[in-house]
Each structure stands twice: as C-alpha cells, then as structure tokens.
Amino acid sequence: MLSYGSYVDGREQPAAHWVYTVRASAMLGDFMGALRTKRGLERGLISSDDAPAEVIGRCAVADPHEVEAALQSAARAAAEWSAAPLATRMRLVEVFHGLVREKHDEIVDMMIAEGHPRALARWETSGVLANTAPETRAFLAAQMEQRVVTAERELTVRRVADGVVCLNPPANATVANALLGVWALAAGNALVVRAPRSAPLGVMHILRELIAPALEAVGAPAAALSVLCSDAPSTLRTWLESPLVDDVMYFGGSRQGIEFGARCVAAGKKPVLELAGNDVCVVWHDADLDLAAEALTEAFYGSGQICMVPNCAVVHPAVADELLRKVAERAARIRPGYPEEPDALLSPVLRTDLYRSVLDQALEGGAELVCGGRRLDVDGAPDEVGGLFLEPTVVRVEGLKGARDLEAVRHETFFPLLPVVVPAPEEVPGLLEAVVEFVNTNEYGLRNSLWTGDEEVAGRFLAGVRGGGLLKVNDSHIGFLPVLPTHGGTGLTGGPGGEANYPLLRTSHLQGVSVGRGVRPSDAVFADLTKGASA
C-alpha cells in the first residue's frame, strides 16, 4: 500500500490522520463494503496492517500549521528558484516529459485505480505529453524573453515569475490538472498543491514521483514544491489571507469560480481560473458525416464529466437526419464497465436526479429524444433503481431561436447528454453568420469546433468566432496537440480576462529591461528621435 505524508520543505511530515483510497472497481463491485473498510481505516477501527488488497494507498491529512508551513517554505524557495536561468527552468519540463514517458503505464494505472476508464486515462496522459512536448517547450520558451541590441543599449522584454503559486485541482481529473503545475515551476515560481480529500492519492503519488525528481535533477530547491491533502474551505481561506501567496490556480464550477476569482482580486492575488466548458461543435452540410459523428460522440466520454467535450452541436438542416442516425448508432456502442476494461468509456454519475430534471425540461420544451435516457448498471443493463451509469443521450432541438431557453443547451450539464440544434428553414438564409453569432453568444468559451469541406466556410468561421481558448476545424474536439493550449477560455470558462491558459505565461508577468553602455542621461531624456533611422 502506498503511503504519503504531507510534503513540505522537501521532506515528508509525520502524520496522525489519514485518508485511505479504495480501488474504484472495488467500490463499483461492493460499494457499501468498500465504504465500511475505508471508514474503518480512517477511524482507527481497522489497522493499516490489516487493510485488504483493494486499499491501494493512504495520504496524510494536513493540519493548519502544515498548510502555513508550506507557504513559508515556498516563499523562501521562490526567491532562489526565480533567479535560475530560463534554460535551467525549461530543462525541468524536459526532464519531467521524459519521466512521464518512462512512467506512462504507472500514471495510467493510478488513474484507473481512482476510477478513470483505461482509454481515457491514456488520453489524459497523452495530453500531459503534448503539453510538454519539444515543440511546445520551444514555442513557450520563445514567449519568455525577447531581446533587441542597439548601439547604446541592450533592450529586453521578459516574463518574470509571480512568486508563490497555489494550485487547487478538480476532483474529477486530479492528476492531469495537478501536473499543469510543472509549468508554473518553469516560470520560476514555487508551487503549493492541495490534493483533494476525495481523491488525493494520485496527486500525491505523481507529483512526488515525477515533479519532485525533476526538480532535483536540475538542481532546484526541493522546497519549490509542496503537496498536501487538506480541507478545501480552510486551505483556500488561508491562501487568500496569506501575504505570501501571489497566484491561485482554481478549478471548479463557474459560479463558485467567478466568486472565488473576485475574492482573489480583492485580496491582491492573481486568479487563474479553469471553470466549466459547454463547448459547441458545428457540422456544415458538406462535412464528412462519419468523422463528424465520431467527434460528436466524444460528448459521452467519461459520461460527459469532462469540461472539454462537446456539449452542444449545431447541425445544418440538410444533413441533420443522416447525422443524427450516425450519432445514435455510435452512441449505442459506448458502454459502461469497470475502469480496467479497455473498451469502457462511461463513468458513474452521482447526480442522476439532476440529469433527469435537465432532460425532462428539454423534452417539455419541445426537444425530441433521439436515443438514450436510461440508467444503466456496470454491465450496461437498464437499471432505473440502482444504476450508477447513464445511457448516452441525444436530443434534437429545432431552431437556433429559443434553443438556449433549454438548460441542456445554455449551460454545461456534466452528463452524457448531447443537444443537437437544427436551424429552422427560415433561418437558413444567412445561416453561417447566424451560427457564428450563436457560438459567440455562448456564455462559456473553452473549445469550439467545426466540420466542413469548404475552406471558405472554415475561414469565415475562424474569422468570426471570438470566444474560446481553442478552435478546431475537421479534427477531434478533445484530442491534444503540441503547441496549442490544453486549457483556458473566455466568458464563464476563464472569468474576467480569461483566455487560452499556458500556465508558464499566466503565472508570470511582463517586465522591460534596458542595459545601457555609455548613455548620457540628458541625451536620453532630450534626444530628438525624429533624426533616428526611418521606419
């Protein structure tokens, strides 16, 4: 059984209280029995020596003193680490990338143990690799410093570390999102990560086994990284109140996140917000419908509990019937299962009552049920009483006008529920402009995508769509690519000032530098620039 204490100042701290992690497949097989085991261990009724094999690890619960100590050690380390050359800090990401490749299967297995279907665990790990690939590193390194040399001066525009960055990953994708912290470190910051109490083991294990060794390999201070499993409200409050904290990377729902971002600004902190998605995928009449249908069924991966999957489709009426048939056929092949199973893509959904409420509101509002709508057990059989999974569900919504009156269209639902909006016949004239406007008036802005065979249509779409941190044409909606951002967006996705999120850039700030050689101050003040070189 893995065991991790709070990691502060480069050392593991002694612990009195622990959170135990039971393998997700054991929870699915016998939820109450696994829960009794977990509670028995955490309450001291069962000795850790007697823990059964399905208990895969434990993490210490940090107390307020350790939370504060982590900030103190981070502040000390930040002063030293920020002075390291950019090449050394980028070397950190290179070493980390190599360790991810080396320990790929270990990372995937940890995600599976915490409940991620195998195929999606591999996808998440591919995202970490794309996010730190050589092309990505080269692109981002070029953004960190630009230099111009004149006869009398060396002029530099550079990005400088903000200081101490605290990262609060989401409960649904803890490992992959916690690993974004490597870029905050590469900016020259010290990093403090809170491992969620609901799923701490993966974060504690991966950061200790990947980022800590990478820091050591490049000679960085060990105290540049702290990882703790702690209570969210009190920890976030400590971060907001501490004069040592500069930035907070926050993952969560839009309402809570926007409010938290405002509290950060009021406290003098920079918020880096990763909130809800509600992405739009547009399918034009000349699209490859087989490929478009394949991309749309990404909406059901992880039961839709992934913020970057397509949440709403807008389909040209000329191909709507055929496309819906293809999507329904593909949706029927997406199944639940234990996380270890290679073909399982659905995850358990706890809020089935909310799903039913959103679906019923859509149907009562005029939407047509195309497929799905039932609860399923782990084997894929209908089970309306105890089923923990939801059948991939597609509803057809007629007309752009009024479509956002439906909750399923207007907001991220976090269910395997895809509303397909089909413009009405009277909306066809000038339809592309209307669709672009529909995308732009989305309150969220993570990713948007388009399927078309016409380069002019693609060009007009790209020229017109302003929202979103990432736009894709004729490509997987959720696939990761080097150089392009994996996170970040506009509107309710990233809050005020939200944009594509490169943590290296978001946790640093621009600074101009001039180094003169024999410059006479009075000449610099009163120089006649009109006599300089022509433009």
Protein backbone atom coordinates (compact mmCIF):
# COMPACT_ATOMS: atom_id res chain seq x y z
CA MET A 1 0.00 0.00 0.00
CA LEU A 2 1.32 3.44 -0.96
CA SER A 3 1.67 5.91 1.90
CA TYR A 4 2.33 9.64 1.62
CA GLY A 5 2.63 12.23 4.33
CA SER A 6 2.36 15.95 3.70
CA TYR A 7 5.35 17.05 1.59
CA VAL A 8 6.69 20.37 2.88
CA ASP A 9 10.15 21.94 2.62
CA GLY A 10 11.44 18.91 0.73
CA ARG A 11 10.50 16.48 3.50
CA GLU A 12 7.60 14.23 4.37
CA GLN A 13 5.94 15.34 7.60
CA PRO A 14 4.79 12.99 10.39
CA ALA A 15 1.04 12.36 10.40
CA ALA A 16 -1.73 11.42 12.80
CA HIS A 17 -4.74 11.33 10.47
CA TRP A 18 -5.06 9.62 7.09
CA VAL A 19 -7.38 9.41 4.09
CA TYR A 20 -7.46 5.94 2.52
CA THR A 21 -8.08 5.20 -1.16
CA VAL A 22 -10.01 2.09 -2.19
CA ARG A 23 -9.68 0.86 -5.76
CA ALA A 24 -12.58 2.22 -7.82
CA SER A 25 -13.50 -1.18 -9.24
CA ALA A 26 -13.91 -2.48 -5.67
CA MET A 27 -16.24 0.43 -4.93
CA LEU A 28 -18.30 -0.46 -8.01
CA GLY A 29 -18.40 -4.13 -7.06
CA ASP A 30 -19.42 -3.67 -3.42
CA PHE A 31 -19.91 0.00 -2.60
CA MET A 32 -21.13 -0.40 0.98
CA GLY A 33 -18.49 -2.98 1.85
CA ALA A 34 -15.69 -0.84 0.42
CA LEU A 35 -17.06 2.22 2.21
CA ARG A 36 -17.11 0.36 5.54
CA THR A 37 -13.47 -0.62 5.03
CA LYS A 38 -12.45 2.92 4.17
CA ARG A 39 -14.25 4.41 7.17
CA GLY A 40 -12.93 1.73 9.48
CA LEU A 41 -9.34 2.53 8.49
CA GLU A 42 -9.83 6.28 8.77
CA ARG A 43 -11.46 5.98 12.21
CA GLY A 44 -8.79 3.64 13.55
CA LEU A 45 -11.18 0.69 13.84
CA ILE A 46 -9.06 -1.28 11.36
CA SER A 47 -5.27 -1.32 11.50
CA SER A 48 -3.48 -0.26 8.33
CA ASP A 49 -1.59 -3.55 8.61
CA ASP A 50 -4.90 -5.36 8.14
CA ALA A 51 -6.05 -3.35 5.13
CA PRO A 52 -7.30 -5.60 2.29
CA ALA A 53 -5.69 -5.59 -1.15
CA GLU A 54 -8.31 -3.25 -2.63
CA VAL A 55 -6.98 -0.46 -0.39
CA ILE A 56 -4.23 0.93 -2.60
CA GLY A 57 -2.88 3.79 -0.53
CA ARG A 58 -3.27 6.48 2.08
CA CYS A 59 -2.45 10.18 2.35
CA ALA A 60 -1.91 12.21 5.48
CA VAL A 61 -4.43 14.94 6.28
CA ALA A 62 -2.53 18.20 6.70
CA ASP A 63 -3.29 20.43 9.66
CA PRO A 64 -3.40 24.26 9.51
CA HIS A 65 0.20 24.51 10.71
CA GLU A 66 1.41 22.42 7.77
CA VAL A 67 -0.65 24.48 5.32
CA GLU A 68 1.03 27.62 6.63
CA ALA A 69 4.48 25.97 6.73
CA ALA A 70 4.11 25.06 3.05
CA LEU A 71 3.61 28.72 2.18
CA GLN A 72 6.58 29.79 4.28
CA SER A 73 8.93 27.29 2.63
CA ALA A 74 7.56 28.12 -0.83
CA ALA A 75 8.25 31.83 -0.31
CA ARG A 76 11.85 31.09 0.65
CA ALA A 77 12.35 28.79 -2.32
CA ALA A 78 10.74 31.19 -4.81
CA ALA A 79 13.41 33.82 -4.23
CA GLU A 80 16.16 31.34 -5.12
CA TRP A 81 14.42 29.43 -7.91
CA SER A 82 13.19 32.52 -9.80
CA ALA A 83 16.83 33.57 -10.28
CA ALA A 84 17.68 30.32 -12.10
CA PRO A 85 18.36 30.75 -15.83
CA LEU A 86 15.43 30.18 -18.18
CA ALA A 87 17.34 27.30 -19.79
CA THR A 88 17.52 25.52 -16.43
CA ARG A 89 13.80 26.02 -15.80
CA MET A 90 12.89 24.75 -19.27
CA ARG A 91 15.18 21.80 -18.68
CA LEU A 92 12.89 20.96 -15.74
CA VAL A 93 9.99 20.47 -18.17
CA GLU A 94 12.17 18.38 -20.46
CA VAL A 95 13.17 16.07 -17.61
CA PHE A 96 9.55 15.89 -16.47
CA HIS A 97 8.43 14.98 -20.01
CA GLY A 98 10.96 12.15 -20.08
CA LEU A 99 9.72 10.82 -16.74
CA VAL A 100 6.11 10.89 -17.97
CA ARG A 101 7.12 8.81 -20.99
CA GLU A 102 9.10 6.44 -18.78
CA LYS A 103 6.34 6.04 -16.20
CA HIS A 104 3.42 6.20 -18.64
CA ASP A 105 1.88 2.90 -17.59
CA GLU A 106 2.27 3.74 -13.90
CA ILE A 107 0.42 7.03 -14.40
CA VAL A 108 -2.35 5.30 -16.36
CA ASP A 109 -2.70 2.59 -13.70
CA MET A 110 -3.02 5.20 -10.95
CA MET A 111 -5.78 7.00 -12.83
CA ILE A 112 -7.57 3.69 -13.41
CA ALA A 113 -7.33 2.86 -9.71
CA GLU A 114 -9.02 6.19 -8.94
CA GLY A 115 -11.84 5.46 -11.40
CA HIS A 116 -10.81 6.72 -14.82
CA PRO A 117 -11.65 4.31 -17.66
CA ARG A 118 -8.44 2.91 -19.15
CA ALA A 119 -8.92 4.52 -22.58
CA LEU A 120 -9.50 7.94 -21.02
CA ALA A 121 -6.56 7.56 -18.63
CA ARG A 122 -4.35 7.03 -21.68
CA TRP A 123 -5.93 10.09 -23.34
CA GLU A 124 -5.26 12.24 -20.27
CA THR A 125 -1.64 11.10 -20.16
CA SER A 126 -1.27 11.88 -23.87
CA GLY A 127 -2.40 15.40 -23.00
CA VAL A 128 0.41 15.75 -20.46
CA LEU A 129 2.91 14.62 -23.11
CA ALA A 130 1.55 17.01 -25.77
CA ASN A 131 1.52 19.84 -23.24
CA THR A 132 5.25 19.33 -22.55
CA ALA A 133 6.41 18.14 -25.99
CA PRO A 134 9.59 19.60 -27.55
CA GLU A 135 7.56 21.80 -29.93
CA THR A 136 5.52 23.14 -27.02
CA ARG A 137 8.62 23.83 -24.95
CA ALA A 138 10.30 25.68 -27.82
CA PHE A 139 7.22 27.79 -28.51
CA LEU A 140 6.76 28.78 -24.88
CA ALA A 141 10.44 29.44 -24.24
CA ALA A 142 10.32 31.98 -27.08
CA GLN A 143 7.48 33.79 -25.30
CA MET A 144 9.53 34.25 -22.14
CA GLU A 145 12.20 36.61 -23.45
CA GLN A 146 12.85 38.81 -26.48
CA ARG A 147 15.98 40.95 -26.87
CA VAL A 148 16.96 43.87 -29.14
CA VAL A 149 20.51 45.30 -29.20
CA THR A 150 21.17 48.89 -30.31
CA ALA A 151 24.39 50.88 -30.40
CA GLU A 152 23.94 52.10 -26.83
CA ARG A 153 21.62 49.63 -25.15
CA GLU A 154 20.51 46.07 -24.76
CA LEU A 155 16.70 46.08 -24.55
CA THR A 156 14.83 43.06 -23.22
CA VAL A 157 11.19 42.24 -22.71
CA ARG A 158 10.90 39.25 -20.42
CA ARG A 159 8.42 37.42 -18.27
CA VAL A 160 9.21 37.21 -14.57
CA ALA A 161 7.81 34.74 -12.04
CA ASP A 162 4.93 35.93 -9.89
CA GLY A 163 6.27 34.16 -6.77
CA VAL A 164 4.22 31.58 -4.88
CA VAL A 165 1.54 29.78 -6.90
CA CYS A 166 -1.11 27.65 -5.19
CA LEU A 167 -2.96 25.04 -7.24
CA ASN A 168 -6.36 23.59 -6.38
CA PRO A 169 -7.12 20.79 -8.90
CA PRO A 170 -10.64 19.50 -9.61
CA ALA A 171 -11.94 16.30 -8.06
CA ASN A 172 -12.79 14.73 -11.44
CA ALA A 173 -9.37 14.95 -13.12
CA THR A 174 -6.91 15.48 -10.31
CA VAL A 175 -3.70 14.05 -11.70
CA ALA A 176 -3.61 15.57 -15.20
CA ASN A 177 -4.60 19.01 -13.94
CA ALA A 178 -2.20 18.95 -10.98
CA LEU A 179 0.62 18.21 -13.42
CA LEU A 180 -0.01 21.58 -15.10
CA GLY A 181 1.89 22.91 -12.11
CA VAL A 182 5.18 21.94 -13.76
CA TRP A 183 4.76 24.99 -15.99
CA ALA A 184 4.23 27.30 -13.01
CA LEU A 185 7.53 25.95 -11.70
CA ALA A 186 9.18 26.50 -15.09
CA ALA A 187 8.16 30.16 -14.87
CA GLY A 188 10.32 30.39 -11.74
CA ASN A 189 7.56 30.12 -9.16
CA ALA A 190 7.34 27.91 -6.11
CA LEU A 191 4.28 25.64 -6.17
CA VAL A 192 1.90 24.52 -3.43
CA VAL A 193 -0.68 21.90 -4.46
CA ARG A 194 -3.74 20.86 -2.47
CA ALA A 195 -4.66 17.24 -3.15
CA PRO A 196 -8.48 16.94 -2.86
CA ARG A 197 -9.55 14.81 0.09
CA SER A 198 -11.96 12.94 -2.20
CA ALA A 199 -9.13 11.76 -4.48
CA PRO A 200 -5.71 12.64 -3.06
CA LEU A 201 -3.57 9.59 -3.80
CA GLY A 202 -2.93 10.17 -7.49
CA VAL A 203 -1.87 13.77 -6.93
CA MET A 204 0.42 12.93 -4.02
CA HIS A 205 1.96 9.96 -5.84
CA ILE A 206 2.50 11.54 -9.25
CA LEU A 207 3.87 14.85 -8.00
CA ARG A 208 6.23 13.08 -5.64
CA GLU A 209 7.36 10.58 -8.28
CA LEU A 210 7.55 12.93 -11.29
CA ILE A 211 7.88 16.60 -10.40
CA ALA A 212 9.99 16.25 -7.23
CA PRO A 213 12.65 14.13 -9.01
CA ALA A 214 12.67 16.53 -11.98
CA LEU A 215 13.31 19.44 -9.62
CA GLU A 216 16.17 17.53 -8.03
CA ALA A 217 17.64 16.66 -11.43
CA VAL A 218 18.02 20.33 -12.41
CA GLY A 219 19.29 21.48 -9.02
CA ALA A 220 16.15 23.34 -7.97
CA PRO A 221 15.41 23.84 -4.27
CA ALA A 222 13.29 20.95 -3.00
CA ALA A 223 11.08 23.42 -1.16
CA ALA A 224 9.87 24.79 -4.51
CA LEU A 225 7.21 22.05 -4.36
CA SER A 226 4.80 21.32 -1.52
CA VAL A 227 1.90 18.86 -1.74
CA LEU A 228 -0.77 18.45 0.94
CA CYS A 229 -4.11 16.73 1.35
CA SER A 230 -6.25 19.23 3.22
CA ASP A 231 -9.71 20.64 3.73
CA ALA A 232 -10.69 22.88 0.80
CA PRO A 233 -12.52 25.78 2.51
CA SER A 234 -9.93 26.38 5.22
CA THR A 235 -6.98 25.94 2.84
CA LEU A 236 -8.38 28.34 0.25
CA ARG A 237 -9.12 30.83 3.02
CA THR A 238 -5.51 30.56 4.24
CA TRP A 239 -4.21 31.12 0.72
CA LEU A 240 -6.38 34.20 0.28
CA GLU A 241 -5.35 35.70 3.62
CA SER A 242 -1.63 34.97 3.33
CA PRO A 243 0.65 37.79 2.11
CA LEU A 244 2.98 35.08 0.79
CA VAL A 245 0.64 33.86 -1.96
CA ASP A 246 0.76 35.55 -5.37
CA ASP A 247 -1.40 33.38 -7.67
CA VAL A 248 -4.12 30.77 -7.20
CA MET A 249 -4.91 28.26 -9.96
CA TYR A 250 -8.51 27.26 -9.28
CA PHE A 251 -10.58 24.53 -10.95
CA GLY A 252 -14.31 24.28 -10.37
CA GLY A 253 -17.80 25.35 -11.34
CA SER A 254 -18.34 28.73 -12.98
CA ARG A 255 -20.48 30.34 -10.30
CA GLN A 256 -18.18 29.39 -7.46
CA GLY A 257 -15.09 30.09 -9.54
CA ILE A 258 -16.10 33.59 -10.60
CA GLU A 259 -16.89 34.42 -6.98
CA PHE A 260 -13.56 32.98 -5.84
CA GLY A 261 -11.73 34.94 -8.52
CA ALA A 262 -13.28 38.16 -7.23
CA ARG A 263 -12.13 37.28 -3.72
CA CYS A 264 -8.61 36.69 -5.08
CA VAL A 265 -8.50 40.11 -6.72
CA ALA A 266 -9.83 41.77 -3.55
CA ALA A 267 -7.06 40.05 -1.61
CA GLY A 268 -4.38 41.14 -4.09
CA LYS A 269 -3.92 37.69 -5.69
CA LYS A 270 -3.95 36.78 -9.38
CA PRO A 271 -6.65 34.16 -10.08
CA VAL A 272 -6.05 31.65 -12.86
CA LEU A 273 -9.49 30.13 -13.35
CA GLU A 274 -10.34 26.83 -15.05
CA LEU A 275 -14.12 26.57 -14.89
CA ALA A 276 -16.98 25.00 -16.87
CA GLY A 277 -16.98 24.39 -20.62
CA ASN A 278 -20.21 23.97 -22.62
CA ASP A 279 -18.42 23.70 -25.97
CA VAL A 280 -20.17 23.97 -29.34
CA CYS A 281 -19.46 21.74 -32.33
CA VAL A 282 -20.84 22.90 -35.71
CA VAL A 283 -21.45 20.46 -38.59
CA TRP A 284 -21.95 22.01 -42.03
CA HIS A 285 -23.82 20.42 -44.95
CA ASP A 286 -20.62 19.44 -46.80
CA ALA A 287 -18.91 17.80 -43.81
CA ASP A 288 -17.65 14.22 -43.69
CA LEU A 289 -20.56 12.95 -41.60
CA ASP A 290 -18.89 9.75 -40.45
CA LEU A 291 -15.97 11.69 -38.99
CA ALA A 292 -18.25 14.39 -37.59
CA ALA A 293 -20.41 11.75 -35.87
CA GLU A 294 -17.28 10.20 -34.39
CA ALA A 295 -16.23 13.59 -32.99
CA LEU A 296 -19.69 14.29 -31.58
CA THR A 297 -19.75 11.03 -29.63
CA GLU A 298 -16.78 12.36 -27.67
CA ALA A 299 -19.55 14.17 -25.77
CA PHE A 300 -20.24 10.90 -23.94
CA TYR A 301 -16.68 10.03 -22.91
CA GLY A 302 -16.39 9.89 -19.15
CA SER A 303 -20.19 10.29 -19.10
CA GLY A 304 -19.74 13.91 -20.18
CA GLN A 305 -17.93 14.70 -16.93
CA ILE A 306 -15.02 16.24 -18.82
CA CYS A 307 -15.19 20.00 -19.29
CA MET A 308 -13.66 19.98 -22.80
CA VAL A 309 -16.04 17.55 -24.55
CA PRO A 310 -18.63 18.93 -26.99
CA ASN A 311 -21.73 19.89 -25.02
CA CYS A 312 -23.91 21.15 -27.87
CA ALA A 313 -23.97 20.55 -31.62
CA VAL A 314 -25.36 22.83 -34.31
CA VAL A 315 -26.07 20.83 -37.47
CA HIS A 316 -27.04 22.11 -40.91
CA PRO A 317 -30.66 21.03 -41.58
CA ALA A 318 -29.72 19.46 -44.92
CA VAL A 319 -27.76 16.70 -43.17
CA ALA A 320 -29.35 16.64 -39.71
CA ASP A 321 -31.38 13.44 -40.14
CA GLU A 322 -28.47 11.43 -41.51
CA LEU A 323 -26.01 12.75 -38.94
CA LEU A 324 -28.35 12.04 -36.03
CA ARG A 325 -28.74 8.48 -37.24
CA LYS A 326 -24.97 8.03 -37.34
CA VAL A 327 -24.50 9.60 -33.90
CA ALA A 328 -27.20 7.38 -32.39
CA GLU A 329 -25.56 4.27 -33.88
CA ARG A 330 -22.19 5.23 -32.42
CA ALA A 331 -23.67 6.23 -29.06
CA ALA A 332 -25.22 2.78 -28.71
CA ARG A 333 -21.72 1.26 -28.77
CA ILE A 334 -20.39 3.40 -25.92
CA ARG A 335 -20.65 1.35 -22.76
CA PRO A 336 -20.01 1.43 -19.02
CA GLY A 337 -17.73 -1.01 -17.25
CA TYR A 338 -15.03 -1.36 -14.65
CA PRO A 339 -12.20 1.15 -15.17
CA GLU A 340 -9.73 -1.62 -16.01
CA GLU A 341 -11.76 -2.74 -19.04
CA PRO A 342 -10.20 -1.45 -22.29
CA ASP A 343 -13.49 -0.63 -24.04
CA ALA A 344 -15.31 1.07 -21.15
CA LEU A 345 -15.86 4.81 -21.72
CA LEU A 346 -18.69 5.73 -19.34
CA SER A 347 -18.07 6.72 -15.72
CA PRO A 348 -20.53 6.61 -12.80
CA VAL A 349 -22.80 9.65 -12.42
CA LEU A 350 -23.94 10.56 -8.92
CA ARG A 351 -26.45 13.29 -9.83
CA THR A 352 -28.89 11.16 -11.81
CA ASP A 353 -31.84 13.15 -10.44
CA LEU A 354 -30.39 16.36 -11.87
CA TYR A 355 -29.80 14.63 -15.21
CA ARG A 356 -33.47 13.58 -15.30
CA SER A 357 -34.54 17.13 -14.45
CA VAL A 358 -32.46 18.65 -17.28
CA LEU A 359 -33.63 16.02 -19.77
CA ASP A 360 -37.29 16.43 -18.81
CA GLN A 361 -37.03 20.21 -19.14
CA ALA A 362 -35.64 19.80 -22.66
CA LEU A 363 -38.38 17.36 -23.69
CA GLU A 364 -41.12 19.51 -22.18
CA GLY A 365 -39.63 22.46 -24.07
CA GLY A 366 -40.10 20.73 -27.41
CA ALA A 367 -36.89 18.74 -27.84
CA GLU A 368 -37.15 15.24 -29.32
CA LEU A 369 -35.45 12.26 -27.68
CA VAL A 370 -33.28 10.58 -30.33
CA CYS A 371 -31.66 7.93 -28.13
CA GLY A 372 -30.77 7.17 -24.51
CA GLY A 373 -32.42 8.40 -21.34
CA ARG A 374 -31.99 5.38 -19.07
CA ARG A 375 -29.89 4.47 -16.05
CA LEU A 376 -27.55 1.51 -16.54
CA ASP A 377 -25.67 -0.89 -14.30
CA VAL A 378 -21.95 -1.57 -14.69
CA ASP A 379 -22.65 -4.27 -17.29
CA GLY A 380 -24.76 -1.94 -19.42
CA ALA A 381 -28.17 -3.38 -18.49
CA PRO A 382 -31.04 -0.93 -17.76
CA ASP A 383 -31.42 -0.33 -14.01
CA GLU A 384 -33.64 2.61 -13.08
CA VAL A 385 -33.32 1.91 -9.33
CA GLY A 386 -29.63 1.43 -8.63
CA GLY A 387 -27.85 2.09 -11.93
CA LEU A 388 -24.76 4.27 -11.44
CA PHE A 389 -24.32 4.97 -15.15
CA LEU A 390 -26.37 6.90 -17.70
CA GLU A 391 -27.09 5.82 -21.24
CA PRO A 392 -25.61 8.21 -23.85
CA THR A 393 -28.49 10.55 -24.64
CA VAL A 394 -29.15 12.70 -27.73
CA VAL A 395 -31.98 15.21 -28.06
CA ARG A 396 -32.93 17.14 -31.20
CA VAL A 397 -33.72 20.83 -30.71
CA GLU A 398 -35.50 22.64 -33.55
CA GLY A 399 -34.27 26.16 -34.34
CA LEU A 400 -31.48 28.41 -33.12
CA LYS A 401 -34.02 30.87 -31.80
CA GLY A 402 -35.04 29.84 -28.32
CA ALA A 403 -32.56 26.94 -28.13
CA ARG A 404 -30.84 28.47 -25.12
CA ASP A 405 -34.11 28.53 -23.25
CA LEU A 406 -33.21 24.89 -22.56
CA GLU A 407 -30.81 24.22 -19.68
CA ALA A 408 -29.14 21.46 -21.70
CA VAL A 409 -28.12 23.99 -24.36
CA ARG A 410 -27.37 27.04 -22.25
CA HIS A 411 -25.18 25.54 -19.55
CA GLU A 412 -22.66 22.76 -19.08
CA THR A 413 -24.55 19.74 -17.74
CA PHE A 414 -21.72 17.28 -16.90
CA PHE A 415 -23.89 14.37 -18.14
CA PRO A 416 -23.76 12.13 -21.25
CA LEU A 417 -26.43 14.38 -22.79
CA LEU A 418 -25.90 15.99 -26.20
CA PRO A 419 -28.44 18.52 -27.52
CA VAL A 420 -28.29 18.79 -31.32
CA VAL A 421 -29.68 22.11 -32.52
CA VAL A 422 -31.07 22.04 -36.08
CA PRO A 423 -31.74 25.51 -37.52
CA ALA A 424 -35.28 26.09 -38.79
CA PRO A 425 -35.94 26.51 -42.56
CA GLU A 426 -36.49 30.25 -42.15
CA GLU A 427 -33.03 30.52 -40.52
CA VAL A 428 -31.18 29.01 -43.50
CA PRO A 429 -30.61 32.30 -45.40
CA GLY A 430 -27.51 33.83 -43.83
CA LEU A 431 -27.13 30.71 -41.73
CA LEU A 432 -23.35 30.74 -41.30
CA GLU A 433 -23.42 34.23 -39.81
CA ALA A 434 -26.27 33.18 -37.52
CA VAL A 435 -24.33 30.12 -36.38
CA VAL A 436 -21.21 32.19 -35.71
CA GLU A 437 -23.35 34.57 -33.65
CA PHE A 438 -24.81 31.60 -31.77
CA VAL A 439 -21.30 30.42 -30.91
CA ASN A 440 -20.19 33.91 -29.90
CA THR A 441 -23.17 34.43 -27.61
CA ASN A 442 -22.35 31.28 -25.66
CA GLU A 443 -21.67 32.39 -22.07
CA TYR A 444 -18.80 29.91 -21.93
CA GLY A 445 -15.68 29.65 -24.08
CA LEU A 446 -13.40 26.64 -23.68
CA ARG A 447 -13.32 24.94 -27.10
CA ASN A 448 -15.37 25.29 -30.27
CA SER A 449 -15.09 23.22 -33.43
CA LEU A 450 -16.38 22.99 -37.00
CA TRP A 451 -16.77 20.24 -39.58
CA THR A 452 -16.90 21.37 -43.20
CA GLY A 453 -15.48 20.51 -46.61
CA ASP A 454 -15.38 24.15 -47.72
CA GLU A 455 -12.26 26.19 -46.98
CA GLU A 456 -14.21 29.44 -47.36
CA VAL A 457 -16.72 28.34 -44.72
CA ALA A 458 -13.86 27.39 -42.41
CA GLY A 459 -12.18 30.75 -42.99
CA ARG A 460 -15.35 32.72 -42.25
CA PHE A 461 -15.96 30.65 -39.11
CA LEU A 462 -12.42 31.23 -37.82
CA ALA A 463 -12.57 34.92 -38.67
CA GLY A 464 -15.90 35.39 -36.91
CA VAL A 465 -15.68 33.27 -33.75
CA ARG A 466 -14.15 35.26 -30.89
CA GLY A 467 -14.98 33.02 -27.95
CA GLY A 468 -12.98 30.04 -26.80
CA GLY A 469 -9.42 29.25 -25.84
CA LEU A 470 -9.15 26.78 -28.73
CA LEU A 471 -10.84 26.45 -32.14
CA LYS A 472 -10.59 23.28 -34.24
CA VAL A 473 -11.68 22.51 -37.79
CA ASN A 474 -12.19 18.94 -39.05
CA ASP A 475 -10.48 17.42 -36.03
CA SER A 476 -11.21 15.63 -32.77
CA HIS A 477 -12.81 18.07 -30.37
CA ILE A 478 -10.89 16.75 -27.36
CA GLY A 479 -7.66 15.47 -28.92
CA PHE A 480 -4.49 17.11 -27.61
CA LEU A 481 -1.88 18.70 -29.87
CA PRO A 482 1.61 20.12 -29.28
CA VAL A 483 1.95 23.91 -29.08
CA LEU A 484 -1.81 24.52 -28.82
CA PRO A 485 -3.25 25.08 -25.33
CA THR A 486 -4.94 22.25 -23.45
CA HIS A 487 -6.82 24.53 -21.07
CA GLY A 488 -8.26 28.00 -20.69
CA GLY A 489 -11.01 30.05 -22.25
CA THR A 490 -13.27 33.06 -22.25
CA GLY A 491 -16.51 34.02 -20.51
CA LEU A 492 -17.68 31.75 -17.71
CA THR A 493 -14.85 29.35 -18.55
CA GLY A 494 -11.99 31.62 -17.54
CA GLY A 495 -13.68 34.57 -15.88
CA PRO A 496 -12.70 38.23 -16.49
CA GLY A 497 -9.51 38.28 -18.54
CA GLY A 498 -9.85 34.57 -19.34
CA GLU A 499 -8.03 33.22 -22.38
CA ALA A 500 -6.13 30.17 -23.55
CA ASN A 501 -4.20 29.06 -20.50
CA TYR A 502 -0.47 28.50 -20.75
CA PRO A 503 0.43 28.34 -17.04
CA LEU A 504 4.01 29.37 -17.83
CA LEU A 505 2.63 32.68 -19.09
CA ARG A 506 -0.35 33.05 -16.75
CA THR A 507 1.81 32.73 -13.62
CA SER A 508 4.39 35.26 -14.76
CA HIS A 509 4.31 38.93 -15.72
CA LEU A 510 5.93 41.12 -18.37
CA GLN A 511 8.91 43.26 -17.48
CA GLY A 512 11.00 45.55 -19.67
CA VAL A 513 14.78 45.88 -19.10
CA SER A 514 17.31 48.35 -20.52
CA VAL A 515 21.08 47.95 -20.01
CA GLY A 516 22.96 51.00 -21.29
CA ARG A 517 26.56 51.45 -22.41
CA GLY A 518 27.92 54.98 -22.03
CA VAL A 519 24.48 56.58 -22.12
CA ARG A 520 24.33 60.25 -21.09
CA PRO A 521 21.03 60.71 -19.15
CA SER A 522 20.33 64.16 -20.55
CA ASP A 523 20.75 62.86 -24.07
CA ALA A 524 18.32 60.02 -23.29
CA VAL A 525 15.73 62.47 -22.00
CA PHE A 526 16.00 65.15 -24.65
CA ALA A 527 17.10 63.11 -27.67
CA ASP A 528 15.44 64.07 -30.96
CA LEU A 529 14.04 60.72 -32.08
CA THR A 530 12.91 62.20 -35.39
CA LYS A 531 16.55 62.13 -36.52
CA GLY A 532 16.84 58.39 -35.97
CA ALA A 533 16.51 55.63 -38.52
CA SER A 534 13.41 55.83 -40.71
CA ALA A 535 10.59 53.35 -40.18
